[in-house]
Amino acid sequence: MKLLFTAICLLSIAFLVSCDVRSGTAKEEMDKFSGTPTPTVTPVPTPTPIDPADIVQVDTTLEGDTLTVNGSKQNKTLTCKKFDQVMINASASVVTVSGVCRQIIVNGDGNQITADAAMEFVFNGTENSLKYARFANGRQPIISENQPGNIIEKIAFEPGKTTPNGGKNKK
């Protein structure tokens, strides 16, 4: 008997909890203030086709070194020889990177970086400017901005002209 009474009580409580006791008017008023915005559907931009002249091949199995720039107001030129990683721990610096890099990480603000090519660019600072000329293995670089306010742009690559490091471009 006690078990039957407990079961009836539990079912009654479950029924009452599941009921919406608000009136239709109160429900409409509450729905106006609910935090469920309707998402806007934007078309996915079509990636710009990569010009074959802008592609540079690199052996991604090579384990390169970590090249670094440290300090403030530096003016450095680095060369990625074996799929290296570049770490720029600087602010208000001008850095030129030639060759194909695995990754360029920028930890600082207000840097101006010019790079030949990299598979990935990571920004942990703001107000940095990065210009790159080519695509490693024909892929768009992965760009991770952990803080907004950086400018990343593709610049023209012209065979036979000088690269940002002053050397000759090689096809």
N, C-alpha and C. Protein backbone atom coordinates (compact mmCIF):
# COMPACT_ATOMS: atom_id res chain seq x y z
N MET A 1 0.81 -1.18 0.00
CA MET A 1 0.00 0.00 0.00
C MET A 1 0.87 1.26 0.00
N LYS A 2 1.88 1.22 0.86
CA LYS A 2 2.79 2.36 0.94
C LYS A 2 3.53 2.56 -0.40
N LEU A 3 3.89 1.47 -1.04
CA LEU A 3 4.58 1.53 -2.33
C LEU A 3 3.67 2.12 -3.41
N LEU A 4 2.40 1.77 -3.40
CA LEU A 4 1.44 2.30 -4.36
C LEU A 4 1.26 3.80 -4.14
N PHE A 5 1.15 4.22 -2.88
CA PHE A 5 1.00 5.63 -2.55
C PHE A 5 2.23 6.44 -3.01
N THR A 6 3.43 5.90 -2.81
CA THR A 6 4.67 6.58 -3.23
C THR A 6 4.72 6.71 -4.75
N ALA A 7 4.30 5.67 -5.46
CA ALA A 7 4.31 5.71 -6.92
C ALA A 7 3.34 6.76 -7.44
N ILE A 8 2.14 6.84 -6.84
CA ILE A 8 1.14 7.82 -7.26
C ILE A 8 1.65 9.24 -6.99
N CYS A 9 2.29 9.43 -5.83
CA CYS A 9 2.84 10.76 -5.51
C CYS A 9 3.92 11.17 -6.50
N LEU A 10 4.82 10.26 -6.83
CA LEU A 10 5.88 10.57 -7.78
C LEU A 10 5.33 10.89 -9.16
N LEU A 11 4.34 10.13 -9.61
CA LEU A 11 3.73 10.41 -10.91
C LEU A 11 3.02 11.75 -10.90
N SER A 12 2.36 12.10 -9.81
CA SER A 12 1.67 13.39 -9.70
C SER A 12 2.67 14.54 -9.75
N ILE A 13 3.76 14.40 -9.04
CA ILE A 13 4.79 15.45 -9.04
C ILE A 13 5.40 15.59 -10.43
N ALA A 14 5.69 14.46 -11.10
CA ALA A 14 6.26 14.51 -12.45
C ALA A 14 5.30 15.19 -13.41
N PHE A 15 3.98 14.93 -13.27
CA PHE A 15 3.00 15.55 -14.14
C PHE A 15 2.93 17.06 -13.90
N LEU A 16 2.93 17.47 -12.65
CA LEU A 16 2.87 18.89 -12.35
C LEU A 16 4.12 19.64 -12.81
N VAL A 17 5.27 19.02 -12.67
CA VAL A 17 6.52 19.67 -13.09
C VAL A 17 6.57 19.83 -14.59
N SER A 18 5.99 18.89 -15.33
CA SER A 18 6.07 18.96 -16.79
C SER A 18 5.06 19.92 -17.39
N CYS A 19 4.08 20.36 -16.64
CA CYS A 19 3.06 21.28 -17.15
C CYS A 19 3.60 22.71 -17.21
N ASP A 20 3.21 23.43 -18.23
CA ASP A 20 3.54 24.84 -18.35
C ASP A 20 2.36 25.62 -17.79
N VAL A 21 2.54 26.22 -16.63
CA VAL A 21 1.43 26.88 -15.96
C VAL A 21 1.27 28.33 -16.40
N ARG A 22 2.14 28.81 -17.27
CA ARG A 22 2.00 30.20 -17.72
C ARG A 22 0.86 30.31 -18.72
N SER A 23 0.21 31.44 -18.74
CA SER A 23 -0.85 31.67 -19.71
C SER A 23 -0.21 31.96 -21.07
N GLY A 24 -1.00 31.95 -22.11
CA GLY A 24 -0.49 32.22 -23.45
C GLY A 24 0.13 33.60 -23.56
N THR A 25 -0.47 34.60 -22.91
CA THR A 25 0.06 35.97 -22.95
C THR A 25 1.41 36.04 -22.25
N ALA A 26 1.51 35.41 -21.09
CA ALA A 26 2.78 35.43 -20.35
C ALA A 26 3.87 34.71 -21.14
N LYS A 27 3.50 33.62 -21.81
CA LYS A 27 4.48 32.87 -22.61
C LYS A 27 4.99 33.72 -23.77
N GLU A 28 4.09 34.44 -24.45
CA GLU A 28 4.50 35.30 -25.56
C GLU A 28 5.43 36.42 -25.08
N GLU A 29 5.12 36.99 -23.92
CA GLU A 29 5.97 38.05 -23.37
C GLU A 29 7.36 37.52 -23.04
N MET A 30 7.44 36.34 -22.48
CA MET A 30 8.73 35.75 -22.14
C MET A 30 9.52 35.39 -23.39
N ASP A 31 8.84 34.93 -24.43
CA ASP A 31 9.53 34.57 -25.67
C ASP A 31 10.20 35.77 -26.32
N LYS A 32 9.64 36.98 -26.12
CA LYS A 32 10.26 38.19 -26.68
C LYS A 32 11.65 38.41 -26.11
N PHE A 33 11.85 38.03 -24.86
CA PHE A 33 13.11 38.30 -24.19
C PHE A 33 14.04 37.09 -24.11
N SER A 34 13.66 36.00 -24.72
CA SER A 34 14.53 34.83 -24.66
C SER A 34 15.76 35.06 -25.54
N GLY A 35 16.87 34.50 -25.14
CA GLY A 35 18.14 34.73 -25.84
C GLY A 35 18.40 33.75 -26.95
N THR A 36 17.48 33.62 -27.87
CA THR A 36 17.68 32.71 -28.99
C THR A 36 17.62 33.51 -30.30
N PRO A 37 18.70 34.19 -30.66
CA PRO A 37 18.68 34.95 -31.90
C PRO A 37 18.67 34.03 -33.11
N THR A 38 18.07 34.50 -34.15
CA THR A 38 18.04 33.75 -35.39
C THR A 38 19.36 33.98 -36.12
N PRO A 39 20.11 32.91 -36.40
CA PRO A 39 21.39 33.11 -37.07
C PRO A 39 21.19 33.58 -38.51
N THR A 40 22.08 34.46 -38.94
CA THR A 40 22.02 34.90 -40.33
C THR A 40 22.87 33.94 -41.16
N VAL A 41 22.34 33.60 -42.29
CA VAL A 41 23.04 32.67 -43.17
C VAL A 41 23.82 33.51 -44.18
N THR A 42 25.13 33.35 -44.14
CA THR A 42 25.98 34.05 -45.10
C THR A 42 26.62 33.01 -46.00
N PRO A 43 26.73 33.31 -47.26
CA PRO A 43 27.35 32.33 -48.15
C PRO A 43 28.84 32.19 -47.84
N VAL A 44 29.32 30.97 -47.97
CA VAL A 44 30.74 30.71 -47.74
C VAL A 44 31.50 31.28 -48.93
N PRO A 45 32.50 32.15 -48.65
CA PRO A 45 33.24 32.73 -49.78
C PRO A 45 34.04 31.67 -50.51
N THR A 46 34.05 31.79 -51.81
CA THR A 46 34.82 30.88 -52.63
C THR A 46 36.29 31.27 -52.54
N PRO A 47 37.18 30.34 -52.18
CA PRO A 47 38.58 30.71 -52.09
C PRO A 47 39.14 31.09 -53.46
N THR A 48 40.02 32.07 -53.44
CA THR A 48 40.65 32.51 -54.67
C THR A 48 41.54 31.40 -55.20
N PRO A 49 41.44 31.08 -56.49
CA PRO A 49 42.30 30.03 -57.04
C PRO A 49 43.77 30.41 -56.90
N ILE A 50 44.60 29.41 -56.66
CA ILE A 50 46.03 29.64 -56.48
C ILE A 50 46.71 29.57 -57.84
N ASP A 51 47.48 30.60 -58.15
CA ASP A 51 48.25 30.64 -59.38
C ASP A 51 49.39 29.63 -59.27
N PRO A 52 49.56 28.75 -60.25
CA PRO A 52 50.65 27.77 -60.19
C PRO A 52 52.04 28.40 -60.02
N ALA A 53 52.21 29.63 -60.47
CA ALA A 53 53.50 30.31 -60.31
C ALA A 53 53.77 30.68 -58.85
N ASP A 54 52.72 30.69 -58.02
CA ASP A 54 52.86 31.04 -56.60
C ASP A 54 53.08 29.82 -55.71
N ILE A 55 53.18 28.64 -56.30
CA ILE A 55 53.34 27.41 -55.51
C ILE A 55 54.81 27.06 -55.38
N VAL A 56 55.22 26.76 -54.16
CA VAL A 56 56.58 26.29 -53.90
C VAL A 56 56.45 24.95 -53.18
N GLN A 57 57.19 23.95 -53.64
CA GLN A 57 57.12 22.62 -53.05
C GLN A 57 58.14 22.51 -51.91
N VAL A 58 57.72 21.81 -50.85
CA VAL A 58 58.59 21.61 -49.69
C VAL A 58 58.36 20.20 -49.16
N ASP A 59 59.44 19.59 -48.69
CA ASP A 59 59.36 18.27 -48.08
C ASP A 59 58.92 18.44 -46.63
N THR A 60 57.67 18.10 -46.34
CA THR A 60 57.13 18.32 -44.99
C THR A 60 57.60 17.27 -43.99
N THR A 61 58.35 16.27 -44.44
CA THR A 61 58.86 15.27 -43.50
C THR A 61 60.13 15.75 -42.81
N LEU A 62 60.74 16.82 -43.32
CA LEU A 62 61.94 17.35 -42.68
C LEU A 62 61.58 17.99 -41.35
N GLU A 63 62.38 17.74 -40.34
CA GLU A 63 62.16 18.36 -39.02
C GLU A 63 63.18 19.48 -38.90
N GLY A 64 62.71 20.69 -39.10
CA GLY A 64 63.60 21.84 -39.07
C GLY A 64 63.86 22.35 -37.67
N ASP A 65 64.61 23.41 -37.60
CA ASP A 65 64.96 24.05 -36.34
C ASP A 65 63.90 25.09 -35.98
N THR A 66 64.05 25.67 -34.79
CA THR A 66 63.22 26.79 -34.37
C THR A 66 64.08 28.04 -34.45
N LEU A 67 63.70 28.96 -35.30
CA LEU A 67 64.41 30.22 -35.46
C LEU A 67 63.66 31.28 -34.66
N THR A 68 64.39 32.13 -33.92
CA THR A 68 63.72 33.10 -33.06
C THR A 68 64.22 34.51 -33.27
N VAL A 69 63.32 35.44 -32.99
CA VAL A 69 63.63 36.86 -32.91
C VAL A 69 63.09 37.32 -31.57
N ASN A 70 63.94 37.87 -30.72
CA ASN A 70 63.54 38.30 -29.39
C ASN A 70 63.88 39.77 -29.20
N GLY A 71 63.03 40.49 -28.50
CA GLY A 71 63.33 41.88 -28.16
C GLY A 71 62.36 42.86 -28.77
N SER A 72 62.75 44.10 -28.70
CA SER A 72 61.92 45.19 -29.20
C SER A 72 62.69 45.96 -30.25
N LYS A 73 61.98 46.43 -31.25
CA LYS A 73 62.55 47.24 -32.33
C LYS A 73 63.74 46.55 -33.01
N GLN A 74 63.56 45.27 -33.31
CA GLN A 74 64.58 44.49 -34.01
C GLN A 74 64.40 44.65 -35.52
N ASN A 75 65.47 44.44 -36.26
CA ASN A 75 65.43 44.41 -37.72
C ASN A 75 66.21 43.17 -38.13
N LYS A 76 65.50 42.06 -38.37
CA LYS A 76 66.14 40.76 -38.58
C LYS A 76 65.70 40.13 -39.89
N THR A 77 66.62 39.34 -40.46
CA THR A 77 66.34 38.53 -41.63
C THR A 77 66.64 37.08 -41.27
N LEU A 78 65.67 36.20 -41.49
CA LEU A 78 65.83 34.78 -41.20
C LEU A 78 65.62 33.98 -42.47
N THR A 79 66.24 32.78 -42.54
CA THR A 79 66.06 31.91 -43.69
C THR A 79 65.64 30.53 -43.21
N CYS A 80 64.48 30.08 -43.66
CA CYS A 80 64.02 28.72 -43.38
C CYS A 80 64.64 27.80 -44.42
N LYS A 81 65.55 26.94 -43.95
CA LYS A 81 66.25 26.04 -44.87
C LYS A 81 65.62 24.65 -44.91
N LYS A 82 65.14 24.18 -43.74
CA LYS A 82 64.53 22.85 -43.65
C LYS A 82 63.19 22.96 -42.95
N PHE A 83 62.17 23.37 -43.54
CA PHE A 83 60.83 23.39 -42.97
C PHE A 83 60.85 23.79 -41.50
N ASP A 84 61.50 24.92 -41.22
CA ASP A 84 61.72 25.41 -39.87
C ASP A 84 60.47 26.07 -39.29
N GLN A 85 60.50 26.25 -37.97
CA GLN A 85 59.48 27.01 -37.26
C GLN A 85 60.11 28.34 -36.87
N VAL A 86 59.36 29.44 -37.03
CA VAL A 86 59.86 30.77 -36.68
C VAL A 86 59.03 31.30 -35.53
N MET A 87 59.71 31.76 -34.47
CA MET A 87 59.02 32.37 -33.32
C MET A 87 59.50 33.81 -33.21
N ILE A 88 58.57 34.73 -33.35
CA ILE A 88 58.88 36.16 -33.24
C ILE A 88 58.33 36.63 -31.90
N ASN A 89 59.22 36.76 -30.93
CA ASN A 89 58.87 37.22 -29.58
C ASN A 89 59.36 38.66 -29.48
N ALA A 90 58.68 39.55 -30.17
CA ALA A 90 59.17 40.92 -30.28
C ALA A 90 58.00 41.87 -30.45
N SER A 91 58.32 43.16 -30.34
CA SER A 91 57.33 44.19 -30.61
C SER A 91 57.99 45.28 -31.42
N ALA A 92 57.21 45.92 -32.28
CA ALA A 92 57.68 47.01 -33.13
C ALA A 92 58.93 46.63 -33.91
N SER A 93 58.98 45.40 -34.42
CA SER A 93 60.15 44.91 -35.14
C SER A 93 59.82 44.69 -36.61
N VAL A 94 60.87 44.68 -37.43
CA VAL A 94 60.75 44.38 -38.85
C VAL A 94 61.49 43.08 -39.10
N VAL A 95 60.75 42.05 -39.55
CA VAL A 95 61.33 40.73 -39.74
C VAL A 95 61.06 40.26 -41.17
N THR A 96 62.10 39.81 -41.84
CA THR A 96 61.98 39.26 -43.18
C THR A 96 62.36 37.79 -43.12
N VAL A 97 61.47 36.93 -43.64
CA VAL A 97 61.70 35.49 -43.59
C VAL A 97 61.68 34.95 -45.02
N SER A 98 62.81 34.35 -45.42
CA SER A 98 62.85 33.75 -46.76
C SER A 98 62.81 32.23 -46.62
N GLY A 99 62.47 31.56 -47.70
CA GLY A 99 62.33 30.12 -47.67
C GLY A 99 60.94 29.72 -47.20
N VAL A 100 60.70 28.40 -47.19
CA VAL A 100 59.40 27.88 -46.79
C VAL A 100 59.48 27.40 -45.35
N CYS A 101 58.61 27.95 -44.51
CA CYS A 101 58.60 27.61 -43.09
C CYS A 101 57.40 26.73 -42.76
N ARG A 102 57.55 25.94 -41.72
CA ARG A 102 56.44 25.13 -41.23
C ARG A 102 55.40 26.03 -40.58
N GLN A 103 55.89 26.94 -39.70
CA GLN A 103 54.97 27.77 -38.93
C GLN A 103 55.69 29.06 -38.55
N ILE A 104 54.96 30.16 -38.59
CA ILE A 104 55.47 31.44 -38.09
C ILE A 104 54.54 31.89 -36.98
N ILE A 105 55.10 32.01 -35.77
CA ILE A 105 54.32 32.40 -34.59
C ILE A 105 54.76 33.80 -34.18
N VAL A 106 53.81 34.70 -34.03
CA VAL A 106 54.10 36.09 -33.66
C VAL A 106 53.54 36.34 -32.26
N ASN A 107 54.45 36.51 -31.30
CA ASN A 107 54.09 36.83 -29.91
C ASN A 107 54.53 38.26 -29.65
N GLY A 108 53.69 39.21 -29.92
CA GLY A 108 54.04 40.61 -29.72
C GLY A 108 53.13 41.49 -30.55
N ASP A 109 53.34 42.79 -30.43
CA ASP A 109 52.47 43.75 -31.09
C ASP A 109 53.27 44.67 -32.01
N GLY A 110 52.62 45.13 -33.08
CA GLY A 110 53.18 46.14 -33.95
C GLY A 110 54.36 45.70 -34.78
N ASN A 111 54.45 44.42 -35.12
CA ASN A 111 55.55 43.91 -35.95
C ASN A 111 55.19 43.98 -37.43
N GLN A 112 56.20 44.12 -38.27
CA GLN A 112 56.02 44.07 -39.72
C GLN A 112 56.82 42.88 -40.23
N ILE A 113 56.10 41.87 -40.72
CA ILE A 113 56.74 40.63 -41.15
C ILE A 113 56.47 40.43 -42.64
N THR A 114 57.53 40.10 -43.36
CA THR A 114 57.40 39.73 -44.77
C THR A 114 57.97 38.32 -44.89
N ALA A 115 57.18 37.39 -45.44
CA ALA A 115 57.60 35.99 -45.52
C ALA A 115 57.43 35.48 -46.94
N ASP A 116 58.29 34.54 -47.29
CA ASP A 116 58.18 33.89 -48.59
C ASP A 116 56.96 32.97 -48.58
N ALA A 117 56.96 31.96 -47.69
CA ALA A 117 55.83 31.03 -47.59
C ALA A 117 55.88 30.30 -46.26
N ALA A 118 54.70 29.92 -45.77
CA ALA A 118 54.58 29.11 -44.56
C ALA A 118 53.28 28.34 -44.60
N MET A 119 53.26 27.22 -43.90
CA MET A 119 52.04 26.40 -43.83
C MET A 119 51.04 27.00 -42.84
N GLU A 120 51.56 27.71 -41.80
CA GLU A 120 50.66 28.23 -40.77
C GLU A 120 51.22 29.52 -40.19
N PHE A 121 50.32 30.47 -39.94
CA PHE A 121 50.66 31.73 -39.26
C PHE A 121 49.82 31.80 -37.99
N VAL A 122 50.47 32.05 -36.84
CA VAL A 122 49.77 32.15 -35.56
C VAL A 122 50.08 33.51 -34.95
N PHE A 123 49.03 34.24 -34.57
CA PHE A 123 49.19 35.57 -33.97
C PHE A 123 48.70 35.55 -32.53
N ASN A 124 49.61 35.85 -31.60
CA ASN A 124 49.26 36.00 -30.19
C ASN A 124 49.42 37.45 -29.76
N GLY A 125 49.39 38.34 -30.70
CA GLY A 125 49.50 39.77 -30.43
C GLY A 125 48.56 40.50 -31.37
N THR A 126 48.67 41.82 -31.38
CA THR A 126 47.77 42.62 -32.19
C THR A 126 48.55 43.69 -32.94
N GLU A 127 47.92 44.27 -33.95
CA GLU A 127 48.50 45.32 -34.79
C GLU A 127 49.77 44.87 -35.50
N ASN A 128 49.84 43.59 -35.84
CA ASN A 128 50.94 43.06 -36.63
C ASN A 128 50.54 43.07 -38.10
N SER A 129 51.53 43.23 -38.97
CA SER A 129 51.30 43.19 -40.41
C SER A 129 52.16 42.08 -40.99
N LEU A 130 51.52 41.12 -41.67
CA LEU A 130 52.26 40.03 -42.29
C LEU A 130 51.91 39.96 -43.76
N LYS A 131 52.94 39.94 -44.59
CA LYS A 131 52.76 39.79 -46.04
C LYS A 131 53.51 38.54 -46.45
N TYR A 132 52.84 37.68 -47.24
CA TYR A 132 53.50 36.47 -47.74
C TYR A 132 53.34 36.40 -49.25
N ALA A 133 54.31 35.73 -49.91
CA ALA A 133 54.35 35.75 -51.37
C ALA A 133 53.89 34.45 -52.03
N ARG A 134 54.11 33.30 -51.39
CA ARG A 134 53.81 32.04 -52.07
C ARG A 134 53.07 31.07 -51.17
N PHE A 135 52.62 29.97 -51.78
CA PHE A 135 51.86 28.94 -51.09
C PHE A 135 52.70 27.66 -51.02
N ALA A 136 52.90 27.16 -49.81
CA ALA A 136 53.67 25.92 -49.62
C ALA A 136 52.82 24.73 -50.07
N ASN A 137 53.36 23.95 -50.99
CA ASN A 137 52.71 22.76 -51.54
C ASN A 137 51.31 23.05 -52.10
N GLY A 138 51.08 24.27 -52.54
CA GLY A 138 49.83 24.63 -53.19
C GLY A 138 48.65 24.78 -52.25
N ARG A 139 48.89 24.98 -50.96
CA ARG A 139 47.80 25.13 -50.00
C ARG A 139 47.77 26.52 -49.41
N GLN A 140 46.56 27.00 -49.16
CA GLN A 140 46.39 28.26 -48.44
C GLN A 140 46.95 28.06 -47.03
N PRO A 141 47.65 29.04 -46.47
CA PRO A 141 48.15 28.88 -45.11
C PRO A 141 47.02 28.90 -44.09
N ILE A 142 47.21 28.18 -43.00
CA ILE A 142 46.28 28.22 -41.88
C ILE A 142 46.61 29.47 -41.08
N ILE A 143 45.60 30.29 -40.78
CA ILE A 143 45.83 31.54 -40.06
C ILE A 143 45.03 31.49 -38.76
N SER A 144 45.74 31.60 -37.63
CA SER A 144 45.11 31.60 -36.31
C SER A 144 45.40 32.93 -35.63
N GLU A 145 44.35 33.69 -35.40
CA GLU A 145 44.49 34.96 -34.69
C GLU A 145 43.87 34.81 -33.31
N ASN A 146 44.70 34.79 -32.29
CA ASN A 146 44.20 34.69 -30.93
C ASN A 146 43.82 36.06 -30.38
N GLN A 147 44.17 37.12 -31.09
CA GLN A 147 43.73 38.47 -30.78
C GLN A 147 43.44 39.15 -32.11
N PRO A 148 42.38 39.94 -32.19
CA PRO A 148 42.04 40.61 -33.44
C PRO A 148 42.97 41.81 -33.70
N GLY A 149 42.92 42.33 -34.92
CA GLY A 149 43.63 43.55 -35.24
C GLY A 149 44.92 43.34 -36.01
N ASN A 150 45.13 42.16 -36.57
CA ASN A 150 46.31 41.90 -37.38
C ASN A 150 45.94 41.97 -38.86
N ILE A 151 46.92 42.32 -39.69
CA ILE A 151 46.69 42.40 -41.13
C ILE A 151 47.54 41.33 -41.80
N ILE A 152 46.88 40.43 -42.53
CA ILE A 152 47.56 39.37 -43.25
C ILE A 152 47.19 39.51 -44.71
N GLU A 153 48.19 39.61 -45.57
CA GLU A 153 47.86 39.74 -46.98
C GLU A 153 48.85 39.01 -47.87
N LYS A 154 48.33 38.54 -48.97
CA LYS A 154 49.13 37.87 -50.00
C LYS A 154 49.66 38.95 -50.92
N ILE A 155 50.97 38.94 -51.15
CA ILE A 155 51.58 39.89 -52.08
C ILE A 155 51.99 39.15 -53.35
N ALA A 156 52.19 39.86 -54.39
CA ALA A 156 52.51 39.26 -55.68
C ALA A 156 53.88 38.60 -55.66
N PHE A 157 53.95 37.44 -56.26
CA PHE A 157 55.21 36.75 -56.47
C PHE A 157 55.52 36.85 -57.95
N GLU A 158 56.69 37.38 -58.26
CA GLU A 158 57.07 37.54 -59.66
C GLU A 158 58.39 36.80 -59.89
N PRO A 159 58.36 35.71 -60.68
CA PRO A 159 59.59 34.97 -60.96
C PRO A 159 60.65 35.89 -61.56
N GLY A 160 61.87 35.73 -61.08
CA GLY A 160 62.98 36.53 -61.59
C GLY A 160 63.18 37.84 -60.83
N LYS A 161 62.17 38.28 -60.08
CA LYS A 161 62.31 39.49 -59.28
C LYS A 161 62.91 39.12 -57.93
N THR A 162 63.27 40.12 -57.18
CA THR A 162 63.85 39.84 -55.87
C THR A 162 62.76 39.54 -54.86
N THR A 163 63.05 38.63 -53.95
CA THR A 163 62.13 38.30 -52.86
C THR A 163 62.30 39.34 -51.76
N PRO A 164 61.48 39.28 -50.73
CA PRO A 164 61.59 40.25 -49.64
C PRO A 164 62.96 40.26 -48.98
N ASN A 165 63.73 39.13 -49.10
CA ASN A 165 65.04 39.10 -48.47
C ASN A 165 66.14 39.64 -49.39
N GLY A 166 65.78 40.07 -50.58
CA GLY A 166 66.76 40.66 -51.49
C GLY A 166 67.40 39.65 -52.43
N GLY A 167 67.13 38.34 -52.26
CA GLY A 167 67.70 37.34 -53.14
C GLY A 167 66.82 37.13 -54.36
N LYS A 168 67.28 36.30 -55.26
CA LYS A 168 66.51 36.02 -56.46
C LYS A 168 65.49 34.92 -56.20
N ASN A 169 64.30 35.07 -56.76
CA ASN A 169 63.30 34.01 -56.67
C ASN A 169 63.74 32.85 -57.53
N LYS A 170 63.47 31.65 -57.06
CA LYS A 170 63.76 30.46 -57.85
C LYS A 170 62.45 29.74 -58.07
N LYS A 171 62.24 29.28 -59.27
CA LYS A 171 61.01 28.55 -59.57
C LYS A 171 61.06 27.17 -59.03
